[in-house]
C-alpha cells in the first residue's frame, strides 16, 4: 500500500510541475509582442494622422460658421476675414491649438503638426521631443488647393512620433 501511495505522490508532483511549466510558457507568450502587432500599430498611427487632418479641416469654427480649411485658405491669400480671435490666421491658430489640446495632448500622443504655404508657416505646434527631424511612426499629408489664386497648395502635415 505504501508503494502505491508513493507512486501516486510522484505522479502528482510530475503533473503539478508540468502544469506550472505550461503556465510560465503561456504567460511569456502572452506578454511577448508579436511581429503581427507592429504593422497593425503602424497602420493605426497612419490612419490617426490622416483622419485627424481630415477631421480638423472640416471642423466648424466660431468665425462666421466657416470651417478650418476655409480659414486657412483666406489666411494664406488675403486675410480679409474678421473673426472673434482677430483675422483668419489668428482664428485658425486658436482653433487648431484648442483641437490639439483636447485630443492629441489628452491621448498623450507625441506629434508635430505643421501647416505651411510656400515658405510661410501658418501653424506650427508639437509636443516636447517631437519635431520634423525625429523618426515618426506615421506622417499624414493633406494639400489644400487655393487655385486659381495660387498654383501652390497649402500643405498640412501631421507626424506621429515614436514615444
N, C-alpha and C. Protein backbone atom coordinates (compact mmCIF):
# COMPACT_ATOMS: atom_id res chain seq x y z
N UNK A 1 0.81 -1.19 0.00
CA UNK A 1 0.00 0.00 0.00
C UNK A 1 0.86 1.26 0.00
N UNK A 2 1.92 1.23 0.78
CA UNK A 2 2.77 2.39 0.81
C UNK A 2 3.45 2.62 -0.53
N UNK A 3 3.78 1.57 -1.24
CA UNK A 3 4.43 1.71 -2.53
C UNK A 3 3.48 2.39 -3.53
N UNK A 4 2.23 2.00 -3.51
CA UNK A 4 1.24 2.60 -4.40
C UNK A 4 1.03 4.07 -4.08
N UNK A 5 1.02 4.40 -2.81
CA UNK A 5 0.86 5.79 -2.39
C UNK A 5 2.05 6.63 -2.85
N UNK A 6 3.24 6.10 -2.77
CA UNK A 6 4.44 6.80 -3.21
C UNK A 6 4.40 7.06 -4.72
N UNK A 7 3.95 6.06 -5.49
CA UNK A 7 3.85 6.22 -6.94
C UNK A 7 2.81 7.32 -7.28
N UNK A 8 1.68 7.31 -6.53
CA UNK A 8 0.65 8.34 -6.76
C UNK A 8 1.20 9.72 -6.43
N UNK A 9 1.94 9.82 -5.35
CA UNK A 9 2.52 11.10 -4.96
C UNK A 9 3.52 11.57 -6.02
N UNK A 10 4.32 10.68 -6.56
CA UNK A 10 5.27 11.01 -7.62
C UNK A 10 4.57 11.50 -8.87
N UNK A 11 3.51 10.82 -9.27
CA UNK A 11 2.74 11.24 -10.44
C UNK A 11 2.12 12.62 -10.21
N UNK A 12 1.62 12.87 -9.01
CA UNK A 12 1.02 14.17 -8.68
C UNK A 12 2.06 15.28 -8.79
N UNK A 13 3.25 15.04 -8.27
CA UNK A 13 4.32 16.03 -8.36
C UNK A 13 4.66 16.31 -9.82
N UNK A 14 4.75 15.30 -10.64
CA UNK A 14 5.07 15.47 -12.07
C UNK A 14 3.97 16.28 -12.75
N UNK A 15 2.72 15.99 -12.48
CA UNK A 15 1.60 16.71 -13.11
C UNK A 15 1.65 18.18 -12.68
N UNK A 16 1.91 18.45 -11.41
CA UNK A 16 1.98 19.83 -10.92
C UNK A 16 3.13 20.57 -11.59
N UNK A 17 4.30 19.93 -11.71
CA UNK A 17 5.44 20.57 -12.37
C UNK A 17 5.16 20.87 -13.84
N UNK A 18 4.52 19.96 -14.53
CA UNK A 18 4.17 20.18 -15.94
C UNK A 18 3.17 21.34 -16.05
N UNK A 19 2.19 21.38 -15.14
CA UNK A 19 1.19 22.46 -15.17
C UNK A 19 1.85 23.82 -14.91
N UNK A 20 2.78 23.88 -13.97
CA UNK A 20 3.48 25.14 -13.70
C UNK A 20 4.33 25.55 -14.90
N UNK A 21 5.00 24.59 -15.51
CA UNK A 21 5.78 24.88 -16.71
C UNK A 21 4.92 25.43 -17.83
N UNK A 22 3.76 24.84 -18.04
CA UNK A 22 2.86 25.33 -19.10
C UNK A 22 2.35 26.72 -18.76
N UNK A 23 2.09 26.98 -17.48
CA UNK A 23 1.63 28.29 -17.05
C UNK A 23 2.67 29.36 -17.36
N UNK A 24 3.96 29.08 -17.05
CA UNK A 24 5.03 30.02 -17.37
C UNK A 24 5.14 30.24 -18.88
N UNK A 25 5.09 29.17 -19.64
CA UNK A 25 5.20 29.26 -21.10
C UNK A 25 4.09 30.13 -21.67
N UNK A 26 2.87 29.91 -21.22
CA UNK A 26 1.73 30.68 -21.73
C UNK A 26 1.85 32.15 -21.32
N UNK A 27 2.26 32.41 -20.08
CA UNK A 27 2.37 33.81 -19.64
C UNK A 27 3.45 34.56 -20.42
N UNK A 28 4.58 33.92 -20.72
CA UNK A 28 5.62 34.57 -21.51
C UNK A 28 5.16 34.82 -22.94
N UNK A 29 4.45 33.88 -23.51
CA UNK A 29 3.95 34.05 -24.88
C UNK A 29 2.92 35.17 -24.97
N UNK A 30 2.11 35.33 -23.95
CA UNK A 30 1.09 36.38 -23.98
C UNK A 30 1.71 37.76 -23.80
N UNK A 31 2.79 37.88 -23.05
CA UNK A 31 3.44 39.17 -22.83
C UNK A 31 4.35 39.56 -23.98
N UNK A 32 4.73 38.62 -24.78
CA UNK A 32 5.64 38.87 -25.90
C UNK A 32 4.90 39.57 -27.03
N UNK A 33 5.50 40.68 -27.53
CA UNK A 33 4.92 41.37 -28.69
C UNK A 33 5.21 40.56 -29.94
N UNK A 34 4.20 40.31 -30.69
CA UNK A 34 4.41 39.57 -31.93
C UNK A 34 4.68 40.55 -33.07
N UNK A 35 5.29 40.06 -34.11
CA UNK A 35 5.58 40.92 -35.26
C UNK A 35 4.30 41.27 -36.01
N UNK A 36 3.22 40.55 -35.76
CA UNK A 36 1.96 40.88 -36.42
C UNK A 36 1.34 42.14 -35.83
N UNK A 37 1.64 42.47 -34.57
CA UNK A 37 1.07 43.66 -33.95
C UNK A 37 1.72 44.94 -34.46
N UNK A 38 2.99 44.88 -34.84
CA UNK A 38 3.71 46.07 -35.28
C UNK A 38 3.11 46.68 -36.54
N UNK A 39 2.85 45.89 -37.60
CA UNK A 39 2.21 46.50 -38.77
C UNK A 39 0.82 47.05 -38.45
N UNK A 40 0.11 46.37 -37.55
CA UNK A 40 -1.22 46.85 -37.16
C UNK A 40 -1.11 48.21 -36.48
N UNK A 41 -0.14 48.38 -35.57
CA UNK A 41 0.06 49.65 -34.88
C UNK A 41 0.49 50.74 -35.86
N UNK A 42 1.36 50.37 -36.80
CA UNK A 42 1.82 51.33 -37.81
C UNK A 42 0.64 51.80 -38.66
N UNK A 43 -0.23 50.86 -39.04
CA UNK A 43 -1.42 51.21 -39.81
C UNK A 43 -2.34 52.11 -39.00
N UNK A 44 -2.50 51.82 -37.71
CA UNK A 44 -3.35 52.62 -36.84
C UNK A 44 -2.82 54.04 -36.72
N UNK A 45 -1.50 54.20 -36.55
CA UNK A 45 -0.90 55.53 -36.46
C UNK A 45 -1.08 56.30 -37.77
N UNK A 46 -0.90 55.61 -38.89
CA UNK A 46 -1.06 56.25 -40.20
C UNK A 46 -2.51 56.72 -40.37
N UNK A 47 -3.45 55.88 -39.96
CA UNK A 47 -4.86 56.27 -40.04
C UNK A 47 -5.14 57.45 -39.12
N UNK A 48 -4.54 57.44 -37.93
CA UNK A 48 -4.73 58.55 -36.99
C UNK A 48 -4.28 59.86 -37.61
N UNK A 49 -3.09 59.88 -38.19
CA UNK A 49 -2.56 61.13 -38.74
C UNK A 49 -3.41 61.63 -39.90
N UNK A 50 -3.78 60.76 -40.81
CA UNK A 50 -4.59 61.18 -41.96
C UNK A 50 -6.01 61.57 -41.56
N UNK A 51 -6.64 60.76 -40.72
CA UNK A 51 -8.02 61.05 -40.30
C UNK A 51 -8.10 62.30 -39.44
N UNK A 52 -7.08 62.52 -38.62
CA UNK A 52 -7.07 63.71 -37.77
C UNK A 52 -7.03 64.98 -38.64
N UNK A 53 -6.19 64.97 -39.65
CA UNK A 53 -6.11 66.13 -40.56
C UNK A 53 -7.46 66.37 -41.23
N UNK A 54 -8.05 65.29 -41.77
CA UNK A 54 -9.34 65.43 -42.46
C UNK A 54 -10.41 65.99 -41.53
N UNK A 55 -10.48 65.47 -40.31
CA UNK A 55 -11.49 65.94 -39.35
C UNK A 55 -11.22 67.39 -38.94
N UNK A 56 -9.95 67.72 -38.71
CA UNK A 56 -9.62 69.09 -38.30
C UNK A 56 -10.00 70.10 -39.37
N UNK A 57 -9.72 69.78 -40.62
CA UNK A 57 -10.02 70.72 -41.71
C UNK A 57 -11.52 70.95 -41.88
N UNK A 58 -12.33 69.97 -41.51
CA UNK A 58 -13.78 70.09 -41.64
C UNK A 58 -14.44 70.68 -40.39
N UNK A 59 -13.65 70.95 -39.36
CA UNK A 59 -14.18 71.49 -38.11
C UNK A 59 -14.72 72.90 -38.32
N UNK A 60 -15.94 73.12 -37.89
CA UNK A 60 -16.56 74.44 -37.98
C UNK A 60 -15.98 75.34 -36.89
N UNK A 61 -15.63 76.55 -37.28
CA UNK A 61 -15.02 77.49 -36.33
C UNK A 61 -16.06 78.52 -35.88
N UNK A 62 -15.67 79.39 -34.97
CA UNK A 62 -16.57 80.44 -34.49
C UNK A 62 -16.53 81.66 -35.40
N UNK A 63 -15.85 81.56 -36.52
CA UNK A 63 -15.75 82.68 -37.46
C UNK A 63 -16.75 82.49 -38.61
N UNK A 64 -17.90 83.08 -38.45
CA UNK A 64 -18.93 83.11 -39.49
C UNK A 64 -19.36 81.72 -39.96
N UNK A 65 -19.19 80.70 -39.12
CA UNK A 65 -19.59 79.34 -39.46
C UNK A 65 -18.70 78.68 -40.50
N UNK A 66 -17.56 79.27 -40.77
CA UNK A 66 -16.63 78.70 -41.76
C UNK A 66 -15.85 77.55 -41.13
N UNK A 67 -15.44 76.60 -41.98
CA UNK A 67 -14.62 75.52 -41.44
C UNK A 67 -13.14 75.92 -41.49
N UNK A 68 -12.32 75.13 -40.85
CA UNK A 68 -10.90 75.45 -40.72
C UNK A 68 -10.20 75.54 -42.07
N UNK A 69 -10.59 74.70 -43.01
CA UNK A 69 -9.98 74.75 -44.34
C UNK A 69 -10.23 76.10 -45.00
N UNK A 70 -11.43 76.61 -44.88
CA UNK A 70 -11.76 77.91 -45.48
C UNK A 70 -10.98 79.04 -44.81
N UNK A 71 -10.80 78.95 -43.49
CA UNK A 71 -9.99 79.96 -42.79
C UNK A 71 -8.54 79.93 -43.26
N UNK A 72 -7.99 78.73 -43.42
CA UNK A 72 -6.60 78.60 -43.87
C UNK A 72 -6.43 79.15 -45.29
N UNK A 73 -7.42 78.93 -46.14
CA UNK A 73 -7.34 79.47 -47.50
C UNK A 73 -7.32 81.00 -47.46
N UNK A 74 -8.16 81.61 -46.63
CA UNK A 74 -8.15 83.07 -46.51
C UNK A 74 -6.85 83.55 -45.86
N UNK A 75 -6.38 82.83 -44.89
CA UNK A 75 -5.13 83.18 -44.20
C UNK A 75 -3.94 83.18 -45.15
N UNK A 76 -3.89 82.20 -46.03
CA UNK A 76 -2.76 82.08 -46.97
C UNK A 76 -2.79 83.16 -48.05
N UNK A 77 -3.98 83.66 -48.39
CA UNK A 77 -4.08 84.60 -49.51
C UNK A 77 -4.33 86.05 -49.11
N UNK A 78 -5.47 86.30 -48.48
CA UNK A 78 -5.92 87.69 -48.31
C UNK A 78 -5.97 88.18 -46.86
N UNK A 79 -6.33 87.34 -45.95
CA UNK A 79 -6.55 87.70 -44.55
C UNK A 79 -7.60 88.81 -44.43
N UNK A 80 -8.67 88.65 -45.20
CA UNK A 80 -9.75 89.65 -45.20
C UNK A 80 -10.79 89.41 -44.12
N UNK A 81 -10.93 88.17 -43.66
CA UNK A 81 -11.98 87.84 -42.69
C UNK A 81 -11.68 88.44 -41.32
N UNK A 82 -12.72 88.96 -40.69
CA UNK A 82 -12.62 89.45 -39.33
C UNK A 82 -13.35 88.44 -38.45
N UNK A 83 -12.62 87.87 -37.50
CA UNK A 83 -13.14 86.80 -36.66
C UNK A 83 -13.03 87.19 -35.19
N UNK A 84 -13.66 86.42 -34.30
CA UNK A 84 -13.57 86.72 -32.87
C UNK A 84 -12.13 86.77 -32.33
N UNK A 85 -11.23 85.96 -32.87
CA UNK A 85 -9.83 85.95 -32.40
C UNK A 85 -8.95 86.93 -33.17
N UNK A 86 -9.51 87.66 -34.10
CA UNK A 86 -8.74 88.57 -34.94
C UNK A 86 -8.98 88.25 -36.40
N UNK A 87 -7.90 88.09 -37.15
CA UNK A 87 -8.06 87.73 -38.57
C UNK A 87 -8.18 86.21 -38.72
N UNK A 88 -8.26 85.74 -39.95
CA UNK A 88 -8.44 84.31 -40.21
C UNK A 88 -7.26 83.49 -39.70
N UNK A 89 -6.05 84.02 -39.75
CA UNK A 89 -4.86 83.30 -39.27
C UNK A 89 -4.93 83.08 -37.76
N UNK A 90 -5.30 84.13 -37.03
CA UNK A 90 -5.40 84.02 -35.57
C UNK A 90 -6.51 83.05 -35.19
N UNK A 91 -7.63 83.10 -35.89
CA UNK A 91 -8.75 82.20 -35.60
C UNK A 91 -8.37 80.75 -35.90
N UNK A 92 -7.68 80.52 -37.01
CA UNK A 92 -7.24 79.17 -37.37
C UNK A 92 -6.27 78.63 -36.33
N UNK A 93 -5.30 79.45 -35.92
CA UNK A 93 -4.33 79.03 -34.90
C UNK A 93 -5.02 78.72 -33.58
N UNK A 94 -5.94 79.57 -33.17
CA UNK A 94 -6.67 79.36 -31.92
C UNK A 94 -7.47 78.05 -31.97
N UNK A 95 -8.17 77.82 -33.08
CA UNK A 95 -8.97 76.61 -33.24
C UNK A 95 -8.09 75.36 -33.23
N UNK A 96 -6.99 75.40 -33.98
CA UNK A 96 -6.08 74.25 -34.03
C UNK A 96 -5.44 73.97 -32.67
N UNK A 97 -5.05 75.01 -31.97
CA UNK A 97 -4.46 74.85 -30.65
C UNK A 97 -5.46 74.18 -29.69
N UNK A 98 -6.71 74.64 -29.73
CA UNK A 98 -7.74 74.03 -28.89
C UNK A 98 -7.99 72.58 -29.26
N UNK A 99 -8.00 72.28 -30.56
CA UNK A 99 -8.21 70.90 -31.02
C UNK A 99 -7.11 69.97 -30.51
N UNK A 100 -5.86 70.38 -30.68
CA UNK A 100 -4.75 69.51 -30.26
C UNK A 100 -4.73 69.36 -28.73
N UNK A 101 -5.06 70.42 -28.01
CA UNK A 101 -5.11 70.31 -26.54
C UNK A 101 -6.17 69.33 -26.07
N UNK A 102 -7.30 69.29 -26.77
CA UNK A 102 -8.41 68.44 -26.34
C UNK A 102 -8.37 67.03 -26.94
N UNK A 103 -7.41 66.77 -27.80
CA UNK A 103 -7.36 65.43 -28.41
C UNK A 103 -5.97 64.83 -28.28
N UNK A 104 -5.06 65.23 -29.12
CA UNK A 104 -3.73 64.62 -29.15
C UNK A 104 -3.01 64.72 -27.80
N UNK A 105 -3.13 65.87 -27.13
CA UNK A 105 -2.49 66.03 -25.82
C UNK A 105 -3.14 65.13 -24.77
N UNK A 106 -4.47 65.04 -24.80
CA UNK A 106 -5.19 64.19 -23.85
C UNK A 106 -4.84 62.72 -24.09
N UNK A 107 -4.68 62.33 -25.36
CA UNK A 107 -4.34 60.95 -25.70
C UNK A 107 -2.86 60.64 -25.46
N UNK A 108 -2.11 61.68 -25.04
CA UNK A 108 -0.67 61.55 -24.80
C UNK A 108 0.07 61.04 -26.05
N UNK A 109 -0.32 61.61 -27.17
CA UNK A 109 0.29 61.27 -28.46
C UNK A 109 1.38 62.29 -28.77
N UNK A 110 2.59 61.80 -29.04
CA UNK A 110 3.68 62.70 -29.43
C UNK A 110 3.45 63.09 -30.90
N UNK A 111 3.44 64.39 -31.18
CA UNK A 111 3.12 64.83 -32.54
C UNK A 111 3.89 66.08 -32.92
N UNK A 112 3.95 66.30 -34.23
CA UNK A 112 4.46 67.54 -34.82
C UNK A 112 3.45 67.92 -35.89
N UNK A 113 2.80 69.07 -35.73
CA UNK A 113 1.71 69.50 -36.61
C UNK A 113 2.13 70.82 -37.25
N UNK A 114 2.18 70.81 -38.59
CA UNK A 114 2.64 72.00 -39.31
C UNK A 114 1.72 72.27 -40.50
N UNK A 115 1.39 73.54 -40.69
CA UNK A 115 0.63 73.98 -41.86
C UNK A 115 1.43 75.10 -42.49
N UNK A 116 1.73 74.93 -43.78
CA UNK A 116 2.63 75.86 -44.45
C UNK A 116 2.12 76.15 -45.87
N UNK A 117 2.28 77.44 -46.26
CA UNK A 117 2.02 77.83 -47.65
C UNK A 117 3.28 78.47 -48.18
N UNK A 118 3.83 77.87 -49.21
CA UNK A 118 5.13 78.27 -49.73
C UNK A 118 6.14 78.22 -48.59
N UNK A 119 6.78 79.34 -48.25
CA UNK A 119 7.73 79.35 -47.13
C UNK A 119 7.11 79.91 -45.85
N UNK A 120 5.86 80.33 -45.92
CA UNK A 120 5.19 80.94 -44.77
C UNK A 120 4.53 79.88 -43.89
N UNK A 121 4.87 79.87 -42.63
CA UNK A 121 4.33 78.95 -41.66
C UNK A 121 3.02 79.52 -41.12
N UNK A 122 1.90 78.79 -41.35
CA UNK A 122 0.59 79.25 -40.89
C UNK A 122 0.27 78.71 -39.50
N UNK A 123 0.78 77.52 -39.21
CA UNK A 123 0.56 76.90 -37.90
C UNK A 123 1.71 75.94 -37.64
N UNK A 124 2.17 75.91 -36.39
CA UNK A 124 3.27 75.02 -36.03
C UNK A 124 3.14 74.70 -34.55
N UNK A 125 2.92 73.41 -34.23
CA UNK A 125 2.79 73.00 -32.84
C UNK A 125 3.31 71.58 -32.70
N UNK A 126 3.95 71.31 -31.58
CA UNK A 126 4.45 69.96 -31.35
C UNK A 126 4.57 69.69 -29.86
N UNK A 127 4.70 68.41 -29.55
CA UNK A 127 4.98 68.03 -28.18
C UNK A 127 6.48 68.02 -27.99
N UNK A 128 6.91 68.10 -26.75
CA UNK A 128 8.34 68.12 -26.45
C UNK A 128 9.01 66.86 -27.00
N UNK A 129 10.11 67.07 -27.69
CA UNK A 129 10.88 65.95 -28.22
C UNK A 129 10.41 65.44 -29.57
N UNK A 130 9.41 66.07 -30.15
CA UNK A 130 8.92 65.64 -31.47
C UNK A 130 9.04 66.82 -32.42
N UNK A 131 9.79 66.63 -33.48
CA UNK A 131 9.93 67.67 -34.50
C UNK A 131 9.97 67.02 -35.87
N UNK A 132 10.24 67.83 -36.88
CA UNK A 132 10.21 67.30 -38.24
C UNK A 132 11.40 66.39 -38.56
N UNK A 133 12.39 66.32 -37.66
CA UNK A 133 13.57 65.50 -37.90
C UNK A 133 13.57 64.20 -37.11
N UNK A 134 12.73 64.08 -36.10
CA UNK A 134 12.67 62.87 -35.29
C UNK A 134 11.95 61.78 -36.08
N UNK A 135 12.41 60.52 -35.96
CA UNK A 135 11.72 59.42 -36.65
C UNK A 135 10.25 59.36 -36.24
N UNK A 136 9.39 59.18 -37.22
CA UNK A 136 7.95 59.18 -36.97
C UNK A 136 7.37 57.79 -37.20
N UNK A 137 6.35 57.46 -36.42
CA UNK A 137 5.60 56.22 -36.63
C UNK A 137 4.78 56.36 -37.91
N UNK A 138 4.23 57.55 -38.11
CA UNK A 138 3.40 57.79 -39.28
C UNK A 138 3.34 59.29 -39.56
N UNK A 139 3.17 59.62 -40.82
CA UNK A 139 3.04 61.01 -41.24
C UNK A 139 1.85 61.12 -42.17
N UNK A 140 0.99 62.09 -41.89
CA UNK A 140 -0.15 62.36 -42.75
C UNK A 140 0.05 63.69 -43.46
N UNK A 141 -0.30 63.73 -44.74
CA UNK A 141 -0.20 64.95 -45.55
C UNK A 141 -1.55 65.26 -46.15
N UNK A 142 -1.86 66.54 -46.27
CA UNK A 142 -3.07 66.95 -46.97
C UNK A 142 -2.83 68.30 -47.63
N UNK A 143 -2.80 68.34 -48.96
CA UNK A 143 -2.71 69.64 -49.63
C UNK A 143 -4.09 70.29 -49.67
N UNK A 144 -4.11 71.61 -49.52
CA UNK A 144 -5.35 72.38 -49.65
C UNK A 144 -5.16 73.31 -50.84
N UNK A 145 -5.98 73.10 -51.83
CA UNK A 145 -5.88 73.90 -53.06
C UNK A 145 -6.39 75.32 -52.82
N UNK A 146 -5.65 76.29 -53.38
CA UNK A 146 -6.12 77.67 -53.40
C UNK A 146 -6.10 78.21 -54.83
N UNK A 147 -6.24 77.27 -55.76
CA UNK A 147 -6.33 77.61 -57.18
C UNK A 147 -7.65 78.33 -57.40
N UNK A 148 -7.79 79.32 -58.22
CA UNK A 148 -6.86 79.87 -59.21
C UNK A 148 -5.98 80.99 -58.66
N UNK A 149 -6.15 81.35 -57.37
CA UNK A 149 -5.36 82.45 -56.82
C UNK A 149 -3.87 82.12 -56.75
N UNK A 150 -3.56 80.87 -56.49
CA UNK A 150 -2.17 80.44 -56.38
C UNK A 150 -2.10 78.98 -56.81
N UNK A 151 -1.07 78.63 -57.53
CA UNK A 151 -0.95 77.25 -58.02
C UNK A 151 -0.32 76.33 -56.97
N UNK A 152 0.32 76.89 -55.97
CA UNK A 152 0.91 76.06 -54.91
C UNK A 152 -0.09 75.89 -53.77
N UNK A 153 -0.31 74.65 -53.36
CA UNK A 153 -1.30 74.42 -52.29
C UNK A 153 -0.73 74.73 -50.90
N UNK A 154 -1.62 74.82 -49.96
CA UNK A 154 -1.25 74.87 -48.54
C UNK A 154 -0.96 73.42 -48.16
N UNK A 155 0.13 73.16 -47.46
CA UNK A 155 0.47 71.79 -47.05
C UNK A 155 0.23 71.62 -45.56
N UNK A 156 -0.60 70.65 -45.24
CA UNK A 156 -0.89 70.30 -43.85
C UNK A 156 -0.16 68.99 -43.56
N UNK A 157 0.67 68.98 -42.51
CA UNK A 157 1.47 67.80 -42.17
C UNK A 157 1.29 67.49 -40.69
N UNK A 158 1.00 66.23 -40.40
CA UNK A 158 0.92 65.77 -39.01
C UNK A 158 1.79 64.53 -38.88
N UNK A 159 2.81 64.62 -38.03
CA UNK A 159 3.71 63.50 -37.77
C UNK A 159 3.41 62.94 -36.39
N UNK A 160 3.18 61.64 -36.31
CA UNK A 160 3.02 60.93 -35.04
C UNK A 160 4.38 60.34 -34.72
N UNK A 161 5.02 60.82 -33.67
CA UNK A 161 6.39 60.42 -33.33
C UNK A 161 6.43 59.18 -32.45
N UNK A 162 7.56 58.50 -32.50
CA UNK A 162 7.78 57.34 -31.63
C UNK A 162 7.93 57.85 -30.21
N UNK A 163 7.38 57.09 -29.28
CA UNK A 163 7.47 57.51 -27.87
C UNK A 163 8.42 56.63 -27.11
